[in-house]
C-alpha atoms as a PDB file:
ATOM      1  CA  MET A   1     321.701 -24.281  72.681  1.00  0.00           C
ATOM      2  CA  LYS A   2     324.427 -21.858  73.776  1.00  0.00           C
ATOM      3  CA  ALA A   3     326.279 -22.552  76.984  1.00  0.00           C
ATOM      4  CA  SER A   4     325.074 -19.259  78.525  1.00  0.00           C
ATOM      5  CA  SER A   5     321.422 -20.201  77.896  1.00  0.00           C
ATOM      6  CA  VAL A   6     321.979 -23.672  79.411  1.00  0.00           C
ATOM      7  CA  PHE A   7     323.579 -22.048  82.444  1.00  0.00           C
ATOM      8  CA  LEU A   8     320.673 -19.604  82.880  1.00  0.00           C
ATOM      9  CA  LEU A   9     318.133 -22.483  82.541  1.00  0.00           C
ATOM     10  CA  LEU A  10     319.950 -24.635  85.102  1.00  0.00           C
ATOM     11  CA  THR A  11     320.382 -21.867  87.667  1.00  0.00           C
ATOM     12  CA  THR A  12     316.776 -20.923  87.344  1.00  0.00           C
ATOM     13  CA  VAL A  13     315.603 -24.517  87.690  1.00  0.00           C
ATOM     14  CA  CYS A  14     317.936 -25.164  90.663  1.00  0.00           C
ATOM     15  CA  ALA A  15     316.768 -22.051  92.415  1.00  0.00           C
ATOM     16  CA  LEU A  16     313.028 -22.818  92.171  1.00  0.00           C
ATOM     17  CA  PRO A  17     312.869 -25.196  95.112  1.00  0.00           C
ATOM     18  CA  PHE A  18     314.633 -22.679  97.356  1.00  0.00           C
ATOM     19  CA  MET A  19     312.326 -19.921  96.234  1.00  0.00           C
ATOM     20  CA  ALA A  20     309.225 -22.001  96.934  1.00  0.00           C
ATOM     21  CA  ALA A  21     310.518 -22.998 100.408  1.00  0.00           C
ATOM     22  CA  THR A  22     311.125 -19.448 101.380  1.00  0.00           C
ATOM     23  CA  PRO A  23     307.997 -17.840 102.847  1.00  0.00           C
ATOM     24  CA  LEU A  24     306.950 -14.848 100.799  1.00  0.00           C
ATOM     25  CA  HIS A  25     305.173 -12.411 102.959  1.00  0.00           C
ATOM     26  CA  ALA A  26     303.105 -10.710 100.287  1.00  0.00           C
ATOM     27  CA  ALA A  27     303.649  -7.196 101.509  1.00  0.00           C
ATOM     28  CA  ASP A  28     305.418  -7.957 104.772  1.00  0.00           C
ATOM     29  CA  PRO A  29     302.435  -6.537 106.645  1.00  0.00           C
ATOM     30  CA  ASN A  30     304.398  -4.569 109.164  1.00  0.00           C
ATOM     31  CA  LYS A  31     308.053  -3.830 109.138  1.00  0.00           C
ATOM     32  CA  LYS A  32     307.989  -2.072 112.544  1.00  0.00           C
ATOM     33  CA  CYS A  33     306.728  -3.563 115.791  1.00  0.00           C
ATOM     34  CA  PRO A  34     303.265  -2.189 116.307  1.00  0.00           C
ATOM     35  CA  ILE A  35     303.775  -2.053 120.065  1.00  0.00           C
ATOM     36  CA  MET A  36     307.355  -0.806 120.388  1.00  0.00           C
ATOM     37  CA  THR A  37     306.927   1.456 117.387  1.00  0.00           C
ATOM     38  CA  ASP A  38     310.547   2.341 116.733  1.00  0.00           C
ATOM     39  CA  ASP A  39     311.738  -1.322 116.735  1.00  0.00           C
ATOM     40  CA  GLU A  40     312.051  -3.546 113.663  1.00  0.00           C
ATOM     41  CA  ALA A  41     309.561  -6.438 113.518  1.00  0.00           C
ATOM     42  CA  ASP A  42     311.042  -9.903 113.705  1.00  0.00           C
ATOM     43  CA  ILE A  43     309.527 -12.650 111.460  1.00  0.00           C
ATOM     44  CA  GLU A  44     310.149 -15.069 114.376  1.00  0.00           C
ATOM     45  CA  GLU A  45     307.768 -13.067 116.710  1.00  0.00           C
ATOM     46  CA  LYS A  46     304.489 -13.539 114.833  1.00  0.00           C
ATOM     47  CA  VAL A  47     300.942 -13.855 115.976  1.00  0.00           C
ATOM     48  CA  SER A  48     297.962 -14.686 113.779  1.00  0.00           C
ATOM     49  CA  TYR A  49     294.769 -12.611 114.316  1.00  0.00           C
ATOM     50  CA  GLN A  50     291.713 -13.746 112.361  1.00  0.00           C
ATOM     51  CA  GLY A  51     294.090 -15.355 109.873  1.00  0.00           C
ATOM     52  CA  LYS A  52     296.235 -12.250 109.493  1.00  0.00           C
ATOM     53  CA  ASP A  53     299.860 -12.330 110.560  1.00  0.00           C
ATOM     54  CA  ILE A  54     301.124  -9.597 112.808  1.00  0.00           C
ATOM     55  CA  TYR A  55     304.847  -9.297 113.477  1.00  0.00           C
ATOM     56  CA  PHE A  56     306.446  -7.990 116.694  1.00  0.00           C
ATOM     57  CA  CYS A  57     309.922  -7.201 117.768  1.00  0.00           C
ATOM     58  CA  CYS A  58     310.087  -9.533 120.838  1.00  0.00           C
ATOM     59  CA  GLY A  59     308.302 -12.037 123.111  1.00  0.00           C
ATOM     60  CA  PRO A  60     307.104  -9.395 125.556  1.00  0.00           C
ATOM     61  CA  CYS A  61     305.300  -7.471 122.808  1.00  0.00           C
ATOM     62  CA  VAL A  62     303.692 -10.808 121.678  1.00  0.00           C
ATOM     63  CA  LYS A  63     302.657 -11.412 125.286  1.00  0.00           C
ATOM     64  CA  GLN A  64     301.179  -7.925 125.584  1.00  0.00           C
ATOM     65  CA  PHE A  65     299.217  -8.392 122.365  1.00  0.00           C
ATOM     66  CA  LYS A  66     297.931 -11.840 123.462  1.00  0.00           C
ATOM     67  CA  ALA A  67     296.668 -10.395 126.737  1.00  0.00           C
ATOM     68  CA  GLU A  68     294.260  -8.125 124.849  1.00  0.00           C
ATOM     69  CA  PRO A  69     294.204  -9.091 121.201  1.00  0.00           C
ATOM     70  CA  ASP A  70     290.932  -7.440 120.215  1.00  0.00           C
ATOM     71  CA  TYR A  71     291.973  -4.149 121.912  1.00  0.00           C
ATOM     72  CA  TYR A  72     295.371  -4.061 120.140  1.00  0.00           C
ATOM     73  CA  ALA A  73     293.914  -5.153 116.754  1.00  0.00           C
ATOM     74  CA  ALA A  74     291.423  -2.239 116.994  1.00  0.00           C
ATOM     75  CA  LEU A  75     294.216   0.159 118.086  1.00  0.00           C
ATOM     76  CA  PHE A  76     296.543  -1.038 115.218  1.00  0.00           C
ATOM     77  CA  LYS A  77     293.642  -0.497 112.757  1.00  0.00           C
ATOM     78  CA  ASP A  78     293.021   3.006 114.190  1.00  0.00           C
ATOM     79  CA  MET A  79     296.737   3.852 114.000  1.00  0.00           C
ATOM     80  CA  LYS A  80     297.094   2.195 110.565  1.00  0.00           C
ATOM     81  CA  SER A  81     300.237   0.461 111.740  1.00  0.00           C
ATOM     82  CA  VAL A  82     299.352  -3.078 110.548  1.00  0.00           C
ATOM     83  CA  PRO A  83     298.043  -2.768 107.018  1.00  0.00           C
ATOM     84  CA  GLU A  84     297.104  -6.469 107.014  1.00  0.00           C
ATOM     85  CA  LEU A  85     294.310  -5.685 109.475  1.00  0.00           C
ATOM     86  CA  ASP A  86     292.582  -3.183 107.147  1.00  0.00           C
ATOM     87  CA  GLY A  87     289.767  -5.628 106.175  1.00  0.00           C
ATOM     88  CA  VAL A  88     289.355  -7.216 109.602  1.00  0.00           C
ATOM     89  CA  THR A  89     286.399  -6.486 111.811  1.00  0.00           C
ATOM     90  CA  VAL A  90     287.253  -6.578 115.504  1.00  0.00           C
ATOM     91  CA  PRO A  91     284.542  -8.477 117.419  1.00  0.00           C
ATOM     92  CA  GLY A  92     282.759  -6.885 120.389  1.00  0.00           C
ATOM     93  CA  SER A  93     282.701  -3.241 121.382  1.00  0.00           C
ATOM     94  CA  VAL A  94     286.268  -2.271 121.958  1.00  0.00           C
ATOM     95  CA  LYS A  95     286.665   1.206 123.380  1.00  0.00           C
ATOM     96  CA  LEU A  96     290.063   2.660 122.693  1.00  0.00           C
ATOM     97  CA  LEU A  97     291.822   4.544 125.490  1.00  0.00           C
ATOM     98  CA  GLU A  98     292.514   8.195 124.896  1.00  0.00           C
ATOM     99  CA  GLN A  99     296.210   7.605 125.858  1.00  0.00           C
ATOM    100  CA  ARG A 100     298.155   5.556 123.330  1.00  0.00           C
ATOM    101  CA  PHE A 101     301.820   5.699 124.471  1.00  0.00           C
ATOM    102  CA  CYS A 102     303.659   5.305 127.737  1.00  0.00           C
ATOM    103  CA  PRO A 103     304.767   8.713 129.056  1.00  0.00           C
ATOM    104  CA  LEU A 104     308.150   7.240 130.104  1.00  0.00           C
ATOM    105  CA  SER A 105     308.807   5.000 127.113  1.00  0.00           C
ATOM    106  CA  THR A 106     307.343   7.326 124.502  1.00  0.00           C
ATOM    107  CA  THR A 107     307.397   4.905 121.530  1.00  0.00           C
ATOM    108  CA  ARG A 108     305.708   1.990 123.329  1.00  0.00           C
ATOM    109  CA  LEU A 109     301.930   1.463 123.225  1.00  0.00           C
ATOM    110  CA  ILE A 110     299.907   0.833 126.348  1.00  0.00           C
ATOM    111  CA  GLY A 111     296.490  -0.913 126.837  1.00  0.00           C
ATOM    112  CA  PRO A 112     293.824  -1.307 129.504  1.00  0.00           C
ATOM    113  CA  ALA A 113     295.813  -4.128 131.182  1.00  0.00           C
ATOM    114  CA  SER A 114     299.036  -1.983 131.316  1.00  0.00           C
ATOM    115  CA  PRO A 115     300.272  -0.962 134.772  1.00  0.00           C
ATOM    116  CA  SER A 116     298.709   2.323 135.814  1.00  0.00           C
ATOM    117  CA  VAL A 117     298.772   5.060 138.458  1.00  0.00           C
ATOM    118  CA  GLU A 118     296.243   7.677 139.584  1.00  0.00           C
ATOM    119  CA  TYR A 119     297.273  11.235 139.019  1.00  0.00           C
ATOM    120  CA  LYS A 120     294.978  14.140 139.786  1.00  0.00           C
ATOM    121  CA  GLY A 121     292.023  11.767 139.674  1.00  0.00           C
ATOM    122  CA  VAL A 122     292.920  10.414 136.249  1.00  0.00           C
ATOM    123  CA  LYS A 123     294.369   7.071 135.345  1.00  0.00           C
ATOM    124  CA  VAL A 124     297.757   7.162 133.677  1.00  0.00           C
ATOM    125  CA  TYR A 125     299.050   4.041 131.925  1.00  0.00           C
ATOM    126  CA  LEU A 126     302.664   2.979 131.868  1.00  0.00           C
ATOM    127  CA  SER A 127     304.331   0.330 129.747  1.00  0.00           C
ATOM    128  CA  LYS A 128     305.865  -1.691 132.542  1.00  0.00           C
ATOM    129  CA  ALA A 129     305.717  -2.097 136.335  1.00  0.00           C
ATOM    130  CA  ALA A 130     309.212  -0.579 136.745  1.00  0.00           C
ATOM    131  CA  HIS A 131     307.911   2.665 135.309  1.00  0.00           C
ATOM    132  CA  VAL A 132     305.398   2.951 138.126  1.00  0.00           C
ATOM    133  CA  LYS A 133     308.331   3.457 140.605  1.00  0.00           C
ATOM    134  CA  THR A 134     309.963   5.948 138.346  1.00  0.00           C
ATOM    135  CA  TRP A 135     306.650   7.887 137.791  1.00  0.00           C
ATOM    136  CA  GLU A 136     306.096   8.004 141.556  1.00  0.00           C
ATOM    137  CA  GLN A 137     309.506   9.704 142.162  1.00  0.00           C
ATOM    138  CA  ASP A 138     308.364  12.885 140.445  1.00  0.00           C
ATOM    139  CA  PRO A 139     304.814  12.628 138.964  1.00  0.00           C
ATOM    140  CA  ASP A 140     304.404  16.353 138.421  1.00  0.00           C
ATOM    141  CA  LYS A 141     307.548  16.469 136.267  1.00  0.00           C
ATOM    142  CA  TYR A 142     306.670  13.447 134.207  1.00  0.00           C
ATOM    143  CA  ALA A 143     303.089  14.544 133.767  1.00  0.00           C
ATOM    144  CA  LYS A 144     304.068  17.976 132.580  1.00  0.00           C
ATOM    145  CA  GLU A 145     306.610  16.608 130.124  1.00  0.00           C
ATOM    146  CA  ALA A 146     304.201  14.031 128.723  1.00  0.00           C
ATOM    147  CA  VAL A 147     301.344  16.447 128.352  1.00  0.00           C
ATOM    148  CA  ALA A 148     303.686  18.844 126.516  1.00  0.00           C
ATOM    149  CA  LYS A 149     304.511  15.974 124.140  1.00  0.00           C
ATOM    150  CA  GLY A 150     300.854  15.127 123.611  1.00  0.00           C
ATOM    151  CA  LEU A 151     301.260  11.763 125.296  1.00  0.00           C
ATOM    152  CA  LEU A 152     298.605  12.168 128.053  1.00  0.00           C
ATOM    153  CA  PRO A 153     295.571  13.666 126.395  1.00  0.00           C
ATOM    154  CA  GLN A 154     293.477  12.694 129.466  1.00  0.00           C
ATOM    155  CA  LEU A 155     295.471  15.232 131.565  1.00  0.00           C
ATOM    156  CA  LYS A 156     295.189  18.142 129.207  1.00  0.00           C
ATOM    157  CA  GLY A 157     294.150  21.196 131.221  1.00  0.00           C
ATOM    158  CA  LYS A 158     294.912  19.489 134.504  1.00  0.00           C
ATOM    159  CA  VAL A 159     298.683  19.998 134.466  1.00  0.00           C
END
């Protein structure tokens, strides 16, 4: 046997235990965080939903998901942001909100438990409590900007 063949065989055999120990995420279900949609997902920030792994960018996103897992699973399926959930059936009757994103943090999803304000008789959801104070400083300005960007469909025709 040639020396180069022996070297190739040895390097392959020696690498096998390391390859087996490294988790192989079949298709790495989601590269981007499905809540903070511009941020990269972190393999350390994982939640399992009906046996399917969902990766987030940080602990606060994991916490947000865990507060309303069925809602967010249904939303991720609707938005096609977590391919791993394609075959999953979300239990119960989850009704998705018309609004998807925070008007002040435009790449962050909101849900029914997100902080909210009333504006012209309509509920507007924000991604965090600090945004409530910001919104209240000039709600007409923020509403107008968000409606123009398509972020607040529930306010269309009211602003």
